C-alpha cells in the first residue's frame, strides 16, 4: 500500500497506540506504534518510538 486512505499522521498512530495501551490492548498498541515508527524518516526518532 503506498497511500494511507485515512491520511493519518504519525501523531494519529501514536495517539491510537496510547489509547490502546490504556485500554489494555497491548498488541494493537504495538502495531500502531510500529506503524508510526515506520512512517518517520529519522532513524533516531523511529528507535525512540519503538523503545517507548
PDB file of N, CA and C in Angstrom:
ATOM      1  N   UNK A   1       0.851  -1.166   0.000  1.00  0.00           N
ATOM      2  CA  UNK A   1       0.000   0.000   0.000  1.00  0.00           C
ATOM      3  C   UNK A   1       0.897   1.229   0.000  1.00  0.00           C
ATOM      4  N   UNK A   2       0.695   2.110  -0.906  1.00  0.00           N
ATOM      5  CA  UNK A   2       1.519   3.302  -0.994  1.00  0.00           C
ATOM      6  C   UNK A   2       0.808   4.562  -0.524  1.00  0.00           C
ATOM      7  N   UNK A   3      -0.474   4.479  -0.275  1.00  0.00           N
ATOM      8  CA  UNK A   3      -1.240   5.650   0.141  1.00  0.00           C
ATOM      9  C   UNK A   3      -2.125   5.284   1.318  1.00  0.00           C
ATOM     10  N   UNK A   4      -2.114   6.131   2.327  1.00  0.00           N
ATOM     11  CA  UNK A   4      -2.950   5.922   3.503  1.00  0.00           C
ATOM     12  C   UNK A   4      -4.323   6.523   3.217  1.00  0.00           C
ATOM     13  N   UNK A   5      -5.352   5.700   3.042  1.00  0.00           N
ATOM     14  CA  UNK A   5      -6.670   6.221   2.678  1.00  0.00           C
ATOM     15  C   UNK A   5      -7.269   7.146   3.733  1.00  0.00           C
ATOM     16  N   UNK A   6      -6.855   7.008   4.962  1.00  0.00           N
ATOM     17  CA  UNK A   6      -7.395   7.861   6.016  1.00  0.00           C
ATOM     18  C   UNK A   6      -6.533   9.102   6.232  1.00  0.00           C
ATOM     19  N   UNK A   7      -5.406   9.208   5.539  1.00  0.00           N
ATOM     20  CA  UNK A   7      -4.470  10.315   5.704  1.00  0.00           C
ATOM     21  C   UNK A   7      -4.079  10.522   7.161  1.00  0.00           C
ATOM     22  N   UNK A   8      -3.783   9.432   7.858  1.00  0.00           N
ATOM     23  CA  UNK A   8      -3.380   9.510   9.254  1.00  0.00           C
ATOM     24  C   UNK A   8      -1.929   9.957   9.360  1.00  0.00           C
ATOM     25  N   UNK A   9      -1.637  10.704  10.403  1.00  0.00           N
ATOM     26  CA  UNK A   9      -0.280  11.183  10.649  1.00  0.00           C
ATOM     27  C   UNK A   9       0.402  10.285  11.674  1.00  0.00           C
ATOM     28  N   UNK A  10       1.694  10.499  11.847  1.00  0.00           N
ATOM     29  CA  UNK A  10       2.437   9.765  12.866  1.00  0.00           C
ATOM     30  C   UNK A  10       1.810  10.022  14.234  1.00  0.00           C
ATOM     31  N   UNK A  11       1.435  11.262  14.481  1.00  0.00           N
ATOM     32  CA  UNK A  11       0.802  11.612  15.764  1.00  0.00           C
ATOM     33  C   UNK A  11      -0.507  10.853  15.957  1.00  0.00           C
ATOM     34  N   UNK A  12      -1.264  10.667  14.880  1.00  0.00           N
ATOM     35  CA  UNK A  12      -2.515   9.906  14.973  1.00  0.00           C
ATOM     36  C   UNK A  12      -2.242   8.462  15.398  1.00  0.00           C
ATOM     37  N   UNK A  13      -1.218   7.869  14.792  1.00  0.00           N
ATOM     38  CA  UNK A  13      -0.870   6.488  15.147  1.00  0.00           C
ATOM     39  C   UNK A  13      -0.390   6.402  16.593  1.00  0.00           C
ATOM     40  N   UNK A  14       0.402   7.375  17.033  1.00  0.00           N
ATOM     41  CA  UNK A  14       0.887   7.366  18.414  1.00  0.00           C
ATOM     42  C   UNK A  14      -0.253   7.581  19.402  1.00  0.00           C
ATOM     43  N   UNK A  15      -1.174   8.468  19.085  1.00  0.00           N
ATOM     44  CA  UNK A  15      -2.345   8.662  19.944  1.00  0.00           C
ATOM     45  C   UNK A  15      -3.145   7.369  20.053  1.00  0.00           C
ATOM     46  N   UNK A  16      -3.344   6.710  18.925  1.00  0.00           N
ATOM     47  CA  UNK A  16      -4.060   5.438  18.922  1.00  0.00           C
ATOM     48  C   UNK A  16      -3.339   4.388  19.750  1.00  0.00           C
ATOM     49  N   UNK A  17      -2.006   4.366  19.642  1.00  0.00           N
ATOM     50  CA  UNK A  17      -1.223   3.405  20.424  1.00  0.00           C
ATOM     51  C   UNK A  17      -1.397   3.652  21.918  1.00  0.00           C
ATOM     52  N   UNK A  18      -1.371   4.916  22.305  1.00  0.00           N
ATOM     53  CA  UNK A  18      -1.560   5.244  23.733  1.00  0.00           C
ATOM     54  C   UNK A  18      -2.960   4.849  24.207  1.00  0.00           C
ATOM     55  N   UNK A  19      -3.949   5.105  23.369  1.00  0.00           N
ATOM     56  CA  UNK A  19      -5.321   4.739  23.731  1.00  0.00           C
ATOM     57  C   UNK A  19      -5.471   3.229  23.878  1.00  0.00           C
ATOM     58  N   UNK A  20      -4.869   2.478  22.974  1.00  0.00           N
ATOM     59  CA  UNK A  20      -4.965   1.015  23.042  1.00  0.00           C
ATOM     60  C   UNK A  20      -4.221   0.480  24.263  1.00  0.00           C
ATOM     61  N   UNK A  21      -3.083   1.075  24.588  1.00  0.00           N
ATOM     62  CA  UNK A  21      -2.343   0.648  25.778  1.00  0.00           C
ATOM     63  C   UNK A  21      -3.167   0.919  27.037  1.00  0.00           C
ATOM     64  N   UNK A  22      -3.794   2.086  27.093  1.00  0.00           N
ATOM     65  CA  UNK A  22      -4.618   2.434  28.261  1.00  0.00           C
ATOM     66  C   UNK A  22      -5.841   1.531  28.366  1.00  0.00           C
ATOM     67  N   UNK A  23      -6.317   1.035  27.227  1.00  0.00           N
ATOM     68  CA  UNK A  23      -7.500   0.167  27.211  1.00  0.00           C
ATOM     69  C   UNK A  23      -7.139  -1.296  27.441  1.00  0.00           C
ATOM     70  N   UNK A  24      -5.856  -1.563  27.667  1.00  0.00           N
ATOM     71  CA  UNK A  24      -5.445  -2.944  27.913  1.00  0.00           C
ATOM     72  C   UNK A  24      -5.324  -3.773  26.647  1.00  0.00           C
ATOM     73  N   UNK A  25      -5.030  -3.141  25.529  1.00  0.00           N
ATOM     74  CA  UNK A  25      -4.879  -3.840  24.239  1.00  0.00           C
ATOM     75  C   UNK A  25      -3.439  -3.687  23.755  1.00  0.00           C
ATOM     76  N   UNK A  26      -2.488  -4.346  24.421  1.00  0.00           N
ATOM     77  CA  UNK A  26      -1.071  -4.125  24.120  1.00  0.00           C
ATOM     78  C   UNK A  26      -0.659  -4.516  22.702  1.00  0.00           C
ATOM     79  N   UNK A  27      -1.267  -5.548  22.145  1.00  0.00           N
ATOM     80  CA  UNK A  27      -0.881  -5.954  20.796  1.00  0.00           C
ATOM     81  C   UNK A  27      -1.260  -4.887  19.774  1.00  0.00           C
ATOM     82  N   UNK A  28      -2.466  -4.340  19.885  1.00  0.00           N
ATOM     83  CA  UNK A  28      -2.868  -3.266  18.981  1.00  0.00           C
ATOM     84  C   UNK A  28      -2.017  -2.019  19.202  1.00  0.00           C
ATOM     85  N   UNK A  29      -1.670  -1.741  20.456  1.00  0.00           N
ATOM     86  CA  UNK A  29      -0.803  -0.605  20.753  1.00  0.00           C
ATOM     87  C   UNK A  29       0.549  -0.789  20.071  1.00  0.00           C
ATOM     88  N   UNK A  30       1.072  -1.999  20.128  1.00  0.00           N
ATOM     89  CA  UNK A  30       2.352  -2.300  19.484  1.00  0.00           C
ATOM     90  C   UNK A  30       2.256  -2.102  17.970  1.00  0.00           C
ATOM     91  N   UNK A  31       1.213  -2.605  17.365  1.00  0.00           N
ATOM     92  CA  UNK A  31       1.058  -2.460  15.911  1.00  0.00           C
ATOM     93  C   UNK A  31       0.963  -0.999  15.495  1.00  0.00           C
ATOM     94  N   UNK A  32       0.213  -0.211  16.230  1.00  0.00           N
ATOM     95  CA  UNK A  32       0.081   1.209  15.906  1.00  0.00           C
ATOM     96  C   UNK A  32       1.401   1.957  16.105  1.00  0.00           C
ATOM     97  N   UNK A  33       2.113   1.647  17.173  1.00  0.00           N
ATOM     98  CA  UNK A  33       3.400   2.288  17.409  1.00  0.00           C
ATOM     99  C   UNK A  33       4.409   1.894  16.333  1.00  0.00           C
ATOM    100  N   UNK A  34       4.382   0.646  15.934  1.00  0.00           N
ATOM    101  CA  UNK A  34       5.288   0.182  14.883  1.00  0.00           C
ATOM    102  C   UNK A  34       5.000   0.898  13.565  1.00  0.00           C
ATOM    103  N   UNK A  35       3.740   1.097  13.262  1.00  0.00           N
ATOM    104  CA  UNK A  35       3.380   1.822  12.038  1.00  0.00           C
ATOM    105  C   UNK A  35       3.837   3.276  12.131  1.00  0.00           C
ATOM    106  N   UNK A  36       3.711   3.879  13.291  1.00  0.00           N
ATOM    107  CA  UNK A  36       4.194   5.251  13.475  1.00  0.00           C
ATOM    108  C   UNK A  36       5.700   5.307  13.245  1.00  0.00           C
ATOM    109  N   UNK A  37       6.427   4.361  13.808  1.00  0.00           N
ATOM    110  CA  UNK A  37       7.884   4.323  13.643  1.00  0.00           C
ATOM    111  C   UNK A  37       8.266   4.112  12.181  1.00  0.00           C
ATOM    112  N   UNK A  38       7.509   3.315  11.476  1.00  0.00           N
ATOM    113  CA  UNK A  38       7.794   3.047  10.072  1.00  0.00           C
ATOM    114  C   UNK A  38       7.627   4.301   9.216  1.00  0.00           C
ATOM    115  N   UNK A  39       6.757   5.192   9.630  1.00  0.00           N
ATOM    116  CA  UNK A  39       6.454   6.394   8.850  1.00  0.00           C
ATOM    117  C   UNK A  39       7.388   7.575   9.144  1.00  0.00           C
ATOM    118  N   UNK A  40       8.265   7.433  10.110  1.00  0.00           N
ATOM    119  CA  UNK A  40       9.193   8.501  10.486  1.00  0.00           C
ATOM    120  C   UNK A  40      10.463   8.374   9.651  1.00  0.00           C
ATOM    121  N   UNK A  41      10.986   9.515   9.189  1.00  0.00           N
ATOM    122  CA  UNK A  41      12.197   9.499   8.375  1.00  0.00           C
ATOM    123  C   UNK A  41      13.470   9.389   9.206  1.00  0.00           C
ATOM    124  N   UNK A  42      13.465   9.926  10.400  1.00  0.00           N
ATOM    125  CA  UNK A  42      14.670   9.942  11.239  1.00  0.00           C
ATOM    126  C   UNK A  42      14.821   8.626  11.993  1.00  0.00           C
ATOM    127  N   UNK A  43      15.923   7.911  11.785  1.00  0.00           N
ATOM    128  CA  UNK A  43      16.130   6.625  12.474  1.00  0.00           C
ATOM    129  C   UNK A  43      16.111   6.752  13.995  1.00  0.00           C
ATOM    130  N   UNK A  44      16.660   7.837  14.533  1.00  0.00           N
ATOM    131  CA  UNK A  44      16.680   8.009  15.987  1.00  0.00           C
ATOM    132  C   UNK A  44      15.266   8.151  16.541  1.00  0.00           C
ATOM    133  N   UNK A  45      14.422   8.869  15.823  1.00  0.00           N
ATOM    134  CA  UNK A  45      13.020   9.032  16.243  1.00  0.00           C
ATOM    135  C   UNK A  45      12.293   7.700  16.178  1.00  0.00           C
ATOM    136  N   UNK A  46      12.514   6.942  15.127  1.00  0.00           N
ATOM    137  CA  UNK A  46      11.891   5.622  14.997  1.00  0.00           C
ATOM    138  C   UNK A  46      12.309   4.715  16.135  1.00  0.00           C
ATOM    139  N   UNK A  47      13.606   4.737  16.495  1.00  0.00           N
ATOM    140  CA  UNK A  47      14.083   3.927  17.627  1.00  0.00           C
ATOM    141  C   UNK A  47      13.419   4.347  18.915  1.00  0.00           C
ATOM    142  N   UNK A  48      13.250   5.662  19.102  1.00  0.00           N
ATOM    143  CA  UNK A  48      12.611   6.177  20.308  1.00  0.00           C
ATOM    144  C   UNK A  48      11.163   5.706  20.406  1.00  0.00           C
ATOM    145  N   UNK A  49      10.461   5.745  19.294  1.00  0.00           N
ATOM    146  CA  UNK A  49       9.069   5.294  19.283  1.00  0.00           C
ATOM    147  C   UNK A  49       9.005   3.817  19.629  1.00  0.00           C
ATOM    148  N   UNK A  50       9.884   3.025  19.040  1.00  0.00           N
ATOM    149  CA  UNK A  50       9.873   1.579  19.301  1.00  0.00           C
ATOM    150  C   UNK A  50      10.233   1.271  20.755  1.00  0.00           C
ATOM    151  N   UNK A  51      11.098   2.068  21.341  1.00  0.00           N
ATOM    152  CA  UNK A  51      11.520   1.853  22.722  1.00  0.00           C
ATOM    153  C   UNK A  51      10.390   2.146  23.697  1.00  0.00           C
ATOM    154  N   UNK A  52       9.628   3.186  23.380  1.00  0.00           N
ATOM    155  CA  UNK A  52       8.541   3.582  24.281  1.00  0.00           C
ATOM    156  C   UNK A  52       7.420   2.592  24.207  1.00  0.00           C
TER     157      UNK A  52
END
